[in-house]
C-alpha cells in the first residue's frame, strides 16, 4: 500500500535528522515508527497480564509457609518512637538534597549537558 502524508517542514526536518542518525531513509524510518506505534495496540491489558501470571505454577524453592499471622505481627510491633525531631530531619534532608544536586551538576558537566 502506498500512503501520501503531508508533513510540516519542522516534522520533515526532524524525521530526516532522526533517520540519518539511524542510517535509514526517511521512508524506512517513518515505516519503523508506524510499525512500533501500531504494535503498541496489541500490548496486553493489565487484566490479561494478571490472568497469564495466575496460570504460572509457583516454584517450590520460593514458597515459604507462614510462621505467624500478619495481624499478630503488627499487634506485637514496638510502638513508634516519640522522640522524632522534625527540624533535625529537615536539616539533614536539606543536606542530602544539596548533595544530590551537586552530584547531578557534576554529571551534567561531565556528560556535556551543562
PDB file of N, CA and C in Angstrom:
ATOM      1  N   UNK A   1       0.839  -1.173   0.000  1.00  0.00           N
ATOM      2  CA  UNK A   1       0.000   0.000   0.000  1.00  0.00           C
ATOM      3  C   UNK A   1       0.885   1.236   0.000  1.00  0.00           C
ATOM      4  N   UNK A   2       0.517   2.193  -0.753  1.00  0.00           N
ATOM      5  CA  UNK A   2       1.219   3.468  -0.773  1.00  0.00           C
ATOM      6  C   UNK A   2       0.330   4.494  -0.087  1.00  0.00           C
ATOM      7  N   UNK A   3       0.957   5.310   0.767  1.00  0.00           N
ATOM      8  CA  UNK A   3       0.216   6.303   1.523  1.00  0.00           C
ATOM      9  C   UNK A   3       0.937   7.637   1.407  1.00  0.00           C
ATOM     10  N   UNK A   4       0.223   8.678   1.072  1.00  0.00           N
ATOM     11  CA  UNK A   4       0.805  10.007   0.949  1.00  0.00           C
ATOM     12  C   UNK A   4       0.459  10.796   2.206  1.00  0.00           C
ATOM     13  N   UNK A   5       1.497  11.270   2.887  1.00  0.00           N
ATOM     14  CA  UNK A   5       1.298  12.036   4.123  1.00  0.00           C
ATOM     15  C   UNK A   5       1.971  13.390   3.958  1.00  0.00           C
ATOM     16  N   UNK A   6       1.265  14.453   4.273  1.00  0.00           N
ATOM     17  CA  UNK A   6       1.835  15.794   4.208  1.00  0.00           C
ATOM     18  C   UNK A   6       2.370  16.155   5.598  1.00  0.00           C
ATOM     19  N   UNK A   7       3.666  16.440   5.662  1.00  0.00           N
ATOM     20  CA  UNK A   7       4.320  16.781   6.918  1.00  0.00           C
ATOM     21  C   UNK A   7       4.657  18.260   6.947  1.00  0.00           C
ATOM     22  N   UNK A   8       4.623  18.832   8.128  1.00  0.00           N
ATOM     23  CA  UNK A   8       5.088  20.213   8.269  1.00  0.00           C
ATOM     24  C   UNK A   8       6.595  20.227   8.008  1.00  0.00           C
ATOM     25  N   UNK A   9       7.120  21.385   7.709  1.00  0.00           N
ATOM     26  CA  UNK A   9       8.554  21.495   7.449  1.00  0.00           C
ATOM     27  C   UNK A   9       9.356  21.049   8.665  1.00  0.00           C
ATOM     28  N   UNK A  10       8.896  21.436   9.854  1.00  0.00           N
ATOM     29  CA  UNK A  10       9.598  21.075  11.085  1.00  0.00           C
ATOM     30  C   UNK A  10       9.608  19.559  11.283  1.00  0.00           C
ATOM     31  N   UNK A  11       8.467  18.918  11.067  1.00  0.00           N
ATOM     32  CA  UNK A  11       8.388  17.475  11.237  1.00  0.00           C
ATOM     33  C   UNK A  11       9.219  16.754  10.183  1.00  0.00           C
ATOM     34  N   UNK A  12       9.217  17.250   8.965  1.00  0.00           N
ATOM     35  CA  UNK A  12      10.033  16.652   7.911  1.00  0.00           C
ATOM     36  C   UNK A  12      11.516  16.734   8.266  1.00  0.00           C
ATOM     37  N   UNK A  13      11.942  17.877   8.770  1.00  0.00           N
ATOM     38  CA  UNK A  13      13.341  18.061   9.156  1.00  0.00           C
ATOM     39  C   UNK A  13      13.722  17.099  10.272  1.00  0.00           C
ATOM     40  N   UNK A  14      12.860  16.991  11.280  1.00  0.00           N
ATOM     41  CA  UNK A  14      13.136  16.075  12.393  1.00  0.00           C
ATOM     42  C   UNK A  14      13.188  14.633  11.916  1.00  0.00           C
ATOM     43  N   UNK A  15      12.263  14.258  11.027  1.00  0.00           N
ATOM     44  CA  UNK A  15      12.231  12.896  10.509  1.00  0.00           C
ATOM     45  C   UNK A  15      13.517  12.574   9.753  1.00  0.00           C
ATOM     46  N   UNK A  16      13.952  13.505   8.913  1.00  0.00           N
ATOM     47  CA  UNK A  16      15.178  13.286   8.142  1.00  0.00           C
ATOM     48  C   UNK A  16      16.395  13.200   9.054  1.00  0.00           C
ATOM     49  N   UNK A  17      16.439  14.058  10.083  1.00  0.00           N
ATOM     50  CA  UNK A  17      17.569  14.058  11.004  1.00  0.00           C
ATOM     51  C   UNK A  17      17.638  12.731  11.776  1.00  0.00           C
ATOM     52  N   UNK A  18      16.501  12.290  12.295  1.00  0.00           N
ATOM     53  CA  UNK A  18      16.469  11.041  13.064  1.00  0.00           C
ATOM     54  C   UNK A  18      16.772   9.842  12.171  1.00  0.00           C
ATOM     55  N   UNK A  19      16.261   9.852  10.951  1.00  0.00           N
ATOM     56  CA  UNK A  19      16.530   8.755  10.015  1.00  0.00           C
ATOM     57  C   UNK A  19      18.014   8.694   9.691  1.00  0.00           C
ATOM     58  N   UNK A  20      18.610   9.843   9.452  1.00  0.00           N
ATOM     59  CA  UNK A  20      20.032   9.903   9.131  1.00  0.00           C
ATOM     60  C   UNK A  20      20.871   9.378  10.293  1.00  0.00           C
ATOM     61  N   UNK A  21      20.480   9.730  11.503  1.00  0.00           N
ATOM     62  CA  UNK A  21      21.213   9.276  12.686  1.00  0.00           C
ATOM     63  C   UNK A  21      21.167   7.758  12.823  1.00  0.00           C
ATOM     64  N   UNK A  22      20.140   7.143  12.240  1.00  0.00           N
ATOM     65  CA  UNK A  22      19.987   5.685  12.316  1.00  0.00           C
ATOM     66  C   UNK A  22      20.391   4.996  11.012  1.00  0.00           C
ATOM     67  N   UNK A  23      20.972   5.776  10.117  1.00  0.00           N
ATOM     68  CA  UNK A  23      21.409   5.257   8.809  1.00  0.00           C
ATOM     69  C   UNK A  23      20.248   4.620   8.051  1.00  0.00           C
ATOM     70  N   UNK A  24      19.084   5.284   8.105  1.00  0.00           N
ATOM     71  CA  UNK A  24      17.899   4.822   7.387  1.00  0.00           C
ATOM     72  C   UNK A  24      17.414   5.918   6.467  1.00  0.00           C
ATOM     73  N   UNK A  25      16.650   5.528   5.467  1.00  0.00           N
ATOM     74  CA  UNK A  25      15.987   6.535   4.647  1.00  0.00           C
ATOM     75  C   UNK A  25      14.833   7.090   5.469  1.00  0.00           C
ATOM     76  N   UNK A  26      14.391   8.307   5.189  1.00  0.00           N
ATOM     77  CA  UNK A  26      13.235   8.845   5.926  1.00  0.00           C
ATOM     78  C   UNK A  26      12.011   7.941   5.808  1.00  0.00           C
ATOM     79  N   UNK A  27      11.821   7.342   4.628  1.00  0.00           N
ATOM     80  CA  UNK A  27      10.668   6.467   4.428  1.00  0.00           C
ATOM     81  C   UNK A  27      10.753   5.229   5.319  1.00  0.00           C
ATOM     82  N   UNK A  28      11.958   4.607   5.374  1.00  0.00           N
ATOM     83  CA  UNK A  28      12.119   3.414   6.202  1.00  0.00           C
ATOM     84  C   UNK A  28      11.967   3.740   7.683  1.00  0.00           C
ATOM     85  N   UNK A  29      12.478   4.916   8.076  1.00  0.00           N
ATOM     86  CA  UNK A  29      12.356   5.300   9.480  1.00  0.00           C
ATOM     87  C   UNK A  29      10.894   5.569   9.827  1.00  0.00           C
ATOM     88  N   UNK A  30      10.170   6.261   8.947  1.00  0.00           N
ATOM     89  CA  UNK A  30       8.746   6.524   9.184  1.00  0.00           C
ATOM     90  C   UNK A  30       7.981   5.207   9.278  1.00  0.00           C
ATOM     91  N   UNK A  31       8.306   4.248   8.420  1.00  0.00           N
ATOM     92  CA  UNK A  31       7.654   2.945   8.451  1.00  0.00           C
ATOM     93  C   UNK A  31       7.931   2.240   9.784  1.00  0.00           C
ATOM     94  N   UNK A  32       9.177   2.309  10.247  1.00  0.00           N
ATOM     95  CA  UNK A  32       9.524   1.687  11.524  1.00  0.00           C
ATOM     96  C   UNK A  32       8.760   2.343  12.672  1.00  0.00           C
ATOM     97  N   UNK A  33       8.637   3.667  12.636  1.00  0.00           N
ATOM     98  CA  UNK A  33       7.886   4.372  13.677  1.00  0.00           C
ATOM     99  C   UNK A  33       6.426   3.943  13.686  1.00  0.00           C
ATOM    100  N   UNK A  34       5.824   3.877  12.502  1.00  0.00           N
ATOM    101  CA  UNK A  34       4.427   3.465  12.410  1.00  0.00           C
ATOM    102  C   UNK A  34       4.257   2.024  12.894  1.00  0.00           C
ATOM    103  N   UNK A  35       5.174   1.175  12.499  1.00  0.00           N
ATOM    104  CA  UNK A  35       5.100  -0.224  12.900  1.00  0.00           C
ATOM    105  C   UNK A  35       5.163  -0.343  14.423  1.00  0.00           C
ATOM    106  N   UNK A  36       6.103   0.366  15.045  1.00  0.00           N
ATOM    107  CA  UNK A  36       6.213   0.339  16.508  1.00  0.00           C
ATOM    108  C   UNK A  36       4.948   0.878  17.169  1.00  0.00           C
ATOM    109  N   UNK A  37       4.435   1.984  16.649  1.00  0.00           N
ATOM    110  CA  UNK A  37       3.243   2.608  17.235  1.00  0.00           C
ATOM    111  C   UNK A  37       2.041   1.679  17.134  1.00  0.00           C
ATOM    112  N   UNK A  38       1.896   1.017  16.017  1.00  0.00           N
ATOM    113  CA  UNK A  38       0.748   0.137  15.845  1.00  0.00           C
ATOM    114  C   UNK A  38       0.890  -1.155  16.632  1.00  0.00           C
ATOM    115  N   UNK A  39       2.122  -1.587  16.893  1.00  0.00           N
ATOM    116  CA  UNK A  39       2.325  -2.771  17.711  1.00  0.00           C
ATOM    117  C   UNK A  39       1.876  -2.533  19.144  1.00  0.00           C
ATOM    118  N   UNK A  40       1.950  -1.289  19.596  1.00  0.00           N
ATOM    119  CA  UNK A  40       1.561  -0.966  20.967  1.00  0.00           C
ATOM    120  C   UNK A  40       0.096  -1.296  21.215  1.00  0.00           C
ATOM    121  N   UNK A  41      -0.733  -1.281  20.154  1.00  0.00           N
ATOM    122  CA  UNK A  41      -2.141  -1.601  20.326  1.00  0.00           C
ATOM    123  C   UNK A  41      -2.341  -3.050  20.745  1.00  0.00           C
ATOM    124  N   UNK A  42      -1.370  -3.905  20.452  1.00  0.00           N
ATOM    125  CA  UNK A  42      -1.509  -5.310  20.799  1.00  0.00           C
ATOM    126  C   UNK A  42      -0.920  -5.613  22.171  1.00  0.00           C
ATOM    127  N   UNK A  43      -0.492  -4.583  22.887  1.00  0.00           N
ATOM    128  CA  UNK A  43       0.029  -4.781  24.232  1.00  0.00           C
ATOM    129  C   UNK A  43      -1.095  -5.309  25.108  1.00  0.00           C
ATOM    130  N   UNK A  44      -0.820  -6.356  25.890  1.00  0.00           N
ATOM    131  CA  UNK A  44      -1.890  -6.925  26.711  1.00  0.00           C
ATOM    132  C   UNK A  44      -2.367  -5.947  27.783  1.00  0.00           C
ATOM    133  N   UNK A  45      -3.619  -6.084  28.146  1.00  0.00           N
ATOM    134  CA  UNK A  45      -4.183  -5.260  29.216  1.00  0.00           C
ATOM    135  C   UNK A  45      -3.647  -5.762  30.554  1.00  0.00           C
ATOM    136  N   UNK A  46      -3.724  -4.957  31.597  1.00  0.00           N
ATOM    137  CA  UNK A  46      -3.300  -5.436  32.918  1.00  0.00           C
ATOM    138  C   UNK A  46      -4.048  -6.710  33.332  1.00  0.00           C
ATOM    139  N   UNK A  47      -5.320  -6.786  32.991  1.00  0.00           N
ATOM    140  CA  UNK A  47      -6.102  -7.972  33.336  1.00  0.00           C
ATOM    141  C   UNK A  47      -5.555  -9.214  32.638  1.00  0.00           C
ATOM    142  N   UNK A  48      -5.141  -9.056  31.366  1.00  0.00           N
ATOM    143  CA  UNK A  48      -4.572 -10.183  30.627  1.00  0.00           C
ATOM    144  C   UNK A  48      -3.234 -10.612  31.235  1.00  0.00           C
ATOM    145  N   UNK A  49      -2.441  -9.636  31.654  1.00  0.00           N
ATOM    146  CA  UNK A  49      -1.157  -9.960  32.280  1.00  0.00           C
ATOM    147  C   UNK A  49      -1.385 -10.723  33.580  1.00  0.00           C
ATOM    148  N   UNK A  50      -2.325 -10.257  34.407  1.00  0.00           N
ATOM    149  CA  UNK A  50      -2.612 -10.929  35.675  1.00  0.00           C
ATOM    150  C   UNK A  50      -3.119 -12.343  35.419  1.00  0.00           C
ATOM    151  N   UNK A  51      -4.005 -12.509  34.428  1.00  0.00           N
ATOM    152  CA  UNK A  51      -4.530 -13.843  34.112  1.00  0.00           C
ATOM    153  C   UNK A  51      -3.394 -14.776  33.703  1.00  0.00           C
ATOM    154  N   UNK A  52      -2.441 -14.264  32.912  1.00  0.00           N
ATOM    155  CA  UNK A  52      -1.315 -15.101  32.496  1.00  0.00           C
ATOM    156  C   UNK A  52      -0.446 -15.469  33.701  1.00  0.00           C
ATOM    157  N   UNK A  53      -0.197 -14.514  34.590  1.00  0.00           N
ATOM    158  CA  UNK A  53       0.613 -14.780  35.786  1.00  0.00           C
ATOM    159  C   UNK A  53      -0.049 -15.860  36.643  1.00  0.00           C
ATOM    160  N   UNK A  54      -1.376 -15.806  36.735  1.00  0.00           N
ATOM    161  CA  UNK A  54      -2.087 -16.784  37.556  1.00  0.00           C
ATOM    162  C   UNK A  54      -1.957 -18.206  37.026  1.00  0.00           C
ATOM    163  N   UNK A  55      -1.659 -18.359  35.741  1.00  0.00           N
ATOM    164  CA  UNK A  55      -1.510 -19.701  35.175  1.00  0.00           C
ATOM    165  C   UNK A  55      -0.126 -20.283  35.418  1.00  0.00           C
ATOM    166  N   UNK A  56       0.820 -19.468  35.885  1.00  0.00           N
ATOM    167  CA  UNK A  56       2.186 -19.943  36.121  1.00  0.00           C
ATOM    168  C   UNK A  56       2.232 -20.610  37.486  1.00  0.00           C
ATOM    169  N   UNK A  57       2.647 -21.870  37.539  1.00  0.00           N
ATOM    170  CA  UNK A  57       2.690 -22.551  38.844  1.00  0.00           C
ATOM    171  C   UNK A  57       3.805 -21.976  39.718  1.00  0.00           C
ATOM    172  N   UNK A  58       3.617 -22.001  41.037  1.00  0.00           N
ATOM    173  CA  UNK A  58       4.674 -21.491  41.928  1.00  0.00           C
ATOM    174  C   UNK A  58       5.902 -22.397  41.890  1.00  0.00           C
ATOM    175  N   UNK A  59       7.056 -21.813  42.119  1.00  0.00           N
ATOM    176  CA  UNK A  59       8.285 -22.588  42.190  1.00  0.00           C
ATOM    177  C   UNK A  59       8.518 -22.918  43.664  1.00  0.00           C
ATOM    178  N   UNK A  60       8.615 -24.208  43.977  1.00  0.00           N
ATOM    179  CA  UNK A  60       8.682 -24.634  45.387  1.00  0.00           C
ATOM    180  C   UNK A  60       9.779 -23.953  46.203  1.00  0.00           C
ATOM    181  N   UNK A  61      10.934 -23.667  45.596  1.00  0.00           N
ATOM    182  CA  UNK A  61      12.022 -23.070  46.378  1.00  0.00           C
ATOM    183  C   UNK A  61      11.690 -21.655  46.841  1.00  0.00           C
ATOM    184  N   UNK A  62      10.662 -21.047  46.242  1.00  0.00           N
ATOM    185  CA  UNK A  62      10.288 -19.688  46.637  1.00  0.00           C
ATOM    186  C   UNK A  62       9.063 -19.641  47.540  1.00  0.00           C
ATOM    187  N   UNK A  63       8.510 -20.800  47.870  1.00  0.00           N
ATOM    188  CA  UNK A  63       7.318 -20.846  48.719  1.00  0.00           C
ATOM    189  C   UNK A  63       7.759 -21.120  50.145  1.00  0.00           C
ATOM    190  N   UNK A  64       7.434 -20.218  51.051  1.00  0.00           N
ATOM    191  CA  UNK A  64       7.782 -20.366  52.468  1.00  0.00           C
ATOM    192  C   UNK A  64       6.495 -20.262  53.282  1.00  0.00           C
ATOM    193  N   UNK A  65       6.177 -21.287  54.057  1.00  0.00           N
ATOM    194  CA  UNK A  65       4.943 -21.230  54.837  1.00  0.00           C
ATOM    195  C   UNK A  65       5.004 -20.123  55.884  1.00  0.00           C
ATOM    196  N   UNK A  66       3.850 -19.567  56.175  1.00  0.00           N
ATOM    197  CA  UNK A  66       3.764 -18.505  57.173  1.00  0.00           C
ATOM    198  C   UNK A  66       4.120 -19.047  58.548  1.00  0.00           C
ATOM    199  N   UNK A  67       4.772 -18.210  59.340  1.00  0.00           N
ATOM    200  CA  UNK A  67       5.117 -18.612  60.711  1.00  0.00           C
ATOM    201  C   UNK A  67       4.260 -17.886  61.737  1.00  0.00           C
ATOM    202  N   UNK A  68       3.498 -16.883  61.294  1.00  0.00           N
ATOM    203  CA  UNK A  68       2.613 -16.141  62.187  1.00  0.00           C
ATOM    204  C   UNK A  68       1.597 -15.386  61.321  1.00  0.00           C
ATOM    205  N   UNK A  69       0.554 -14.942  61.947  1.00  0.00           N
ATOM    206  CA  UNK A  69      -0.427 -14.146  61.198  1.00  0.00           C
ATOM    207  C   UNK A  69       0.056 -12.696  61.127  1.00  0.00           C
ATOM    208  N   UNK A  70      -0.290 -12.024  60.061  1.00  0.00           N
ATOM    209  CA  UNK A  70       0.112 -10.628  59.894  1.00  0.00           C
ATOM    210  C   UNK A  70      -0.461  -9.782  61.020  1.00  0.00           C
ATOM    211  N   UNK A  71      -1.701 -10.056  61.398  1.00  0.00           N
ATOM    212  CA  UNK A  71      -2.340  -9.283  62.467  1.00  0.00           C
ATOM    213  C   UNK A  71      -1.549  -9.410  63.766  1.00  0.00           C
ATOM    214  N   UNK A  72      -1.092 -10.630  64.085  1.00  0.00           N
ATOM    215  CA  UNK A  72      -0.306 -10.823  65.317  1.00  0.00           C
ATOM    216  C   UNK A  72       1.016 -10.080  65.259  1.00  0.00           C
ATOM    217  N   UNK A  73       1.682 -10.153  64.131  1.00  0.00           N
ATOM    218  CA  UNK A  73       2.972  -9.471  63.987  1.00  0.00           C
ATOM    219  C   UNK A  73       2.779  -7.965  64.130  1.00  0.00           C
ATOM    220  N   UNK A  74       1.765  -7.418  63.472  1.00  0.00           N
ATOM    221  CA  UNK A  74       1.517  -5.969  63.569  1.00  0.00           C
ATOM    222  C   UNK A  74       1.140  -5.567  64.990  1.00  0.00           C
ATOM    223  N   UNK A  75       0.360  -6.395  65.659  1.00  0.00           N
ATOM    224  CA  UNK A  75      -0.072  -6.082  67.020  1.00  0.00           C
ATOM    225  C   UNK A  75       1.120  -6.100  67.983  1.00  0.00           C
ATOM    226  N   UNK A  76       2.097  -6.999  67.734  1.00  0.00           N
ATOM    227  CA  UNK A  76       3.239  -7.145  68.633  1.00  0.00           C
ATOM    228  C   UNK A  76       4.411  -6.230  68.294  1.00  0.00           C
ATOM    229  N   UNK A  77       4.250  -5.371  67.289  1.00  0.00           N
ATOM    230  CA  UNK A  77       5.348  -4.469  66.919  1.00  0.00           C
ATOM    231  C   UNK A  77       5.570  -3.435  68.013  1.00  0.00           C
ATOM    232  N   UNK A  78       6.814  -3.008  68.179  1.00  0.00           N
ATOM    233  CA  UNK A  78       7.064  -1.960  69.178  1.00  0.00           C
ATOM    234  C   UNK A  78       6.396  -0.654  68.737  1.00  0.00           C
ATOM    235  N   UNK A  79       6.055   0.179  69.677  1.00  0.00           N
ATOM    236  CA  UNK A  79       5.406   1.438  69.314  1.00  0.00           C
ATOM    237  C   UNK A  79       6.359   2.352  68.541  1.00  0.00           C
ATOM    238  N   UNK A  80       5.769   3.262  67.785  1.00  0.00           N
ATOM    239  CA  UNK A  80       6.554   4.238  67.037  1.00  0.00           C
ATOM    240  C   UNK A  80       7.334   5.109  68.017  1.00  0.00           C
ATOM    241  N   UNK A  81       8.557   5.483  67.661  1.00  0.00           N
ATOM    242  CA  UNK A  81       9.309   6.359  68.573  1.00  0.00           C
ATOM    243  C   UNK A  81       8.628   7.722  68.694  1.00  0.00           C
ATOM    244  N   UNK A  82       8.680   8.280  69.884  1.00  0.00           N
ATOM    245  CA  UNK A  82       8.039   9.576  70.116  1.00  0.00           C
ATOM    246  C   UNK A  82       9.042  10.714  70.138  1.00  0.00           C
ATOM    247  N   UNK A  83      10.319  10.404  69.987  1.00  0.00           N
ATOM    248  CA  UNK A  83      11.342  11.434  70.086  1.00  0.00           C
ATOM    249  C   UNK A  83      11.816  11.900  68.702  1.00  0.00           C
ATOM    250  N   UNK A  84      10.956  11.792  67.705  1.00  0.00           N
ATOM    251  CA  UNK A  84      11.320  12.208  66.352  1.00  0.00           C
ATOM    252  C   UNK A  84      11.432  13.733  66.310  1.00  0.00           C
ATOM    253  N   UNK A  85      12.573  14.227  65.817  1.00  0.00           N
ATOM    254  CA  UNK A  85      12.829  15.663  65.738  1.00  0.00           C
ATOM    255  C   UNK A  85      12.666  16.100  64.282  1.00  0.00           C
ATOM    256  N   UNK A  86      11.512  16.675  63.982  1.00  0.00           N
ATOM    257  CA  UNK A  86      11.206  17.071  62.609  1.00  0.00           C
ATOM    258  C   UNK A  86      12.192  18.108  62.085  1.00  0.00           C
ATOM    259  N   UNK A  87      12.563  19.052  62.880  1.00  0.00           N
ATOM    260  CA  UNK A  87      13.502  20.083  62.425  1.00  0.00           C
ATOM    261  C   UNK A  87      14.874  19.495  62.118  1.00  0.00           C
ATOM    262  N   UNK A  88      15.347  18.576  62.918  1.00  0.00           N
ATOM    263  CA  UNK A  88      16.626  17.921  62.640  1.00  0.00           C
ATOM    264  C   UNK A  88      16.526  17.127  61.343  1.00  0.00           C
ATOM    265  N   UNK A  89      15.406  16.418  61.171  1.00  0.00           N
ATOM    266  CA  UNK A  89      15.216  15.644  59.944  1.00  0.00           C
ATOM    267  C   UNK A  89      15.241  16.566  58.727  1.00  0.00           C
ATOM    268  N   UNK A  90      14.556  17.704  58.815  1.00  0.00           N
ATOM    269  CA  UNK A  90      14.546  18.660  57.695  1.00  0.00           C
ATOM    270  C   UNK A  90      15.953  19.158  57.376  1.00  0.00           C
ATOM    271  N   UNK A  91      16.747  19.470  58.402  1.00  0.00           N
ATOM    272  CA  UNK A  91      18.122  19.922  58.174  1.00  0.00           C
ATOM    273  C   UNK A  91      18.939  18.833  57.487  1.00  0.00           C
ATOM    274  N   UNK A  92      18.804  17.607  57.967  1.00  0.00           N
ATOM    275  CA  UNK A  92      19.534  16.502  57.359  1.00  0.00           C
ATOM    276  C   UNK A  92      19.082  16.269  55.918  1.00  0.00           C
ATOM    277  N   UNK A  93      17.771  16.402  55.674  1.00  0.00           N
ATOM    278  CA  UNK A  93      17.258  16.206  54.311  1.00  0.00           C
ATOM    279  C   UNK A  93      17.760  17.312  53.388  1.00  0.00           C
ATOM    280  N   UNK A  94      17.849  18.536  53.870  1.00  0.00           N
ATOM    281  CA  UNK A  94      18.403  19.620  53.046  1.00  0.00           C
ATOM    282  C   UNK A  94      19.838  19.316  52.650  1.00  0.00           C
ATOM    283  N   UNK A  95      20.602  18.725  53.564  1.00  0.00           N
ATOM    284  CA  UNK A  95      21.978  18.331  53.256  1.00  0.00           C
ATOM    285  C   UNK A  95      21.995  17.256  52.176  1.00  0.00           C
ATOM    286  N   UNK A  96      21.105  16.294  52.295  1.00  0.00           N
ATOM    287  CA  UNK A  96      21.021  15.220  51.299  1.00  0.00           C
ATOM    288  C   UNK A  96      20.641  15.800  49.936  1.00  0.00           C
ATOM    289  N   UNK A  97      19.636  16.655  49.892  1.00  0.00           N
ATOM    290  CA  UNK A  97      19.210  17.260  48.618  1.00  0.00           C
ATOM    291  C   UNK A  97      20.335  18.082  47.993  1.00  0.00           C
ATOM    292  N   UNK A  98      21.061  18.836  48.805  1.00  0.00           N
ATOM    293  CA  UNK A  98      22.182  19.628  48.286  1.00  0.00           C
ATOM    294  C   UNK A  98      23.241  18.711  47.670  1.00  0.00           C
ATOM    295  N   UNK A  99      23.516  17.600  48.312  1.00  0.00           N
ATOM    296  CA  UNK A  99      24.496  16.639  47.791  1.00  0.00           C
ATOM    297  C   UNK A  99      23.998  16.031  46.478  1.00  0.00           C
ATOM    298  N   UNK A 100      22.702  15.682  46.400  1.00  0.00           N
ATOM    299  CA  UNK A 100      22.151  15.121  45.159  1.00  0.00           C
ATOM    300  C   UNK A 100      22.244  16.136  44.025  1.00  0.00           C
ATOM    301  N   UNK A 101      21.944  17.407  44.315  1.00  0.00           N
ATOM    302  CA  UNK A 101      22.043  18.451  43.291  1.00  0.00           C
ATOM    303  C   UNK A 101      23.483  18.637  42.836  1.00  0.00           C
ATOM    304  N   UNK A 102      24.431  18.578  43.786  1.00  0.00           N
ATOM    305  CA  UNK A 102      25.841  18.712  43.435  1.00  0.00           C
ATOM    306  C   UNK A 102      26.269  17.587  42.500  1.00  0.00           C
ATOM    307  N   UNK A 103      25.873  16.377  42.836  1.00  0.00           N
ATOM    308  CA  UNK A 103      26.222  15.223  42.004  1.00  0.00           C
ATOM    309  C   UNK A 103      25.586  15.353  40.621  1.00  0.00           C
ATOM    310  N   UNK A 104      24.329  15.773  40.566  1.00  0.00           N
ATOM    311  CA  UNK A 104      23.649  15.942  39.274  1.00  0.00           C
ATOM    312  C   UNK A 104      24.354  17.002  38.431  1.00  0.00           C
ATOM    313  N   UNK A 105      24.779  18.105  39.070  1.00  0.00           N
ATOM    314  CA  UNK A 105      25.510  19.147  38.318  1.00  0.00           C
ATOM    315  C   UNK A 105      26.814  18.610  37.782  1.00  0.00           C
ATOM    316  N   UNK A 106      27.545  17.861  38.598  1.00  0.00           N
ATOM    317  CA  UNK A 106      28.803  17.270  38.145  1.00  0.00           C
ATOM    318  C   UNK A 106      28.575  16.308  36.972  1.00  0.00           C
ATOM    319  N   UNK A 107      27.520  15.496  37.079  1.00  0.00           N
ATOM    320  CA  UNK A 107      27.195  14.565  35.990  1.00  0.00           C
ATOM    321  C   UNK A 107      26.842  15.314  34.722  1.00  0.00           C
ATOM    322  N   UNK A 108      26.044  16.389  34.848  1.00  0.00           N
ATOM    323  CA  UNK A 108      25.664  17.179  33.676  1.00  0.00           C
ATOM    324  C   UNK A 108      26.894  17.764  33.002  1.00  0.00           C
ATOM    325  N   UNK A 109      27.805  18.312  33.795  1.00  0.00           N
ATOM    326  CA  UNK A 109      29.025  18.894  33.217  1.00  0.00           C
ATOM    327  C   UNK A 109      29.889  17.809  32.558  1.00  0.00           C
ATOM    328  N   UNK A 110      30.026  16.669  33.230  1.00  0.00           N
ATOM    329  CA  UNK A 110      30.851  15.598  32.693  1.00  0.00           C
ATOM    330  C   UNK A 110      30.269  15.016  31.413  1.00  0.00           C
ATOM    331  N   UNK A 111      28.947  15.059  31.286  1.00  0.00           N
ATOM    332  CA  UNK A 111      28.292  14.480  30.106  1.00  0.00           C
ATOM    333  C   UNK A 111      27.880  15.528  29.086  1.00  0.00           C
ATOM    334  N   UNK A 112      28.381  16.767  29.272  1.00  0.00           N
ATOM    335  CA  UNK A 112      28.171  17.818  28.275  1.00  0.00           C
ATOM    336  C   UNK A 112      26.773  18.400  28.249  1.00  0.00           C
ATOM    337  N   UNK A 113      26.031  18.314  29.354  1.00  0.00           N
ATOM    338  CA  UNK A 113      24.685  18.888  29.382  1.00  0.00           C
ATOM    339  C   UNK A 113      24.631  20.237  30.085  1.00  0.00           C
ATOM    340  N   UNK A 114      25.754  20.737  30.518  1.00  0.00           N
ATOM    341  CA  UNK A 114      25.651  21.973  31.266  1.00  0.00           C
ATOM    342  C   UNK A 114      26.731  22.863  30.988  1.00  0.00           C
TER     343      UNK A 114
END
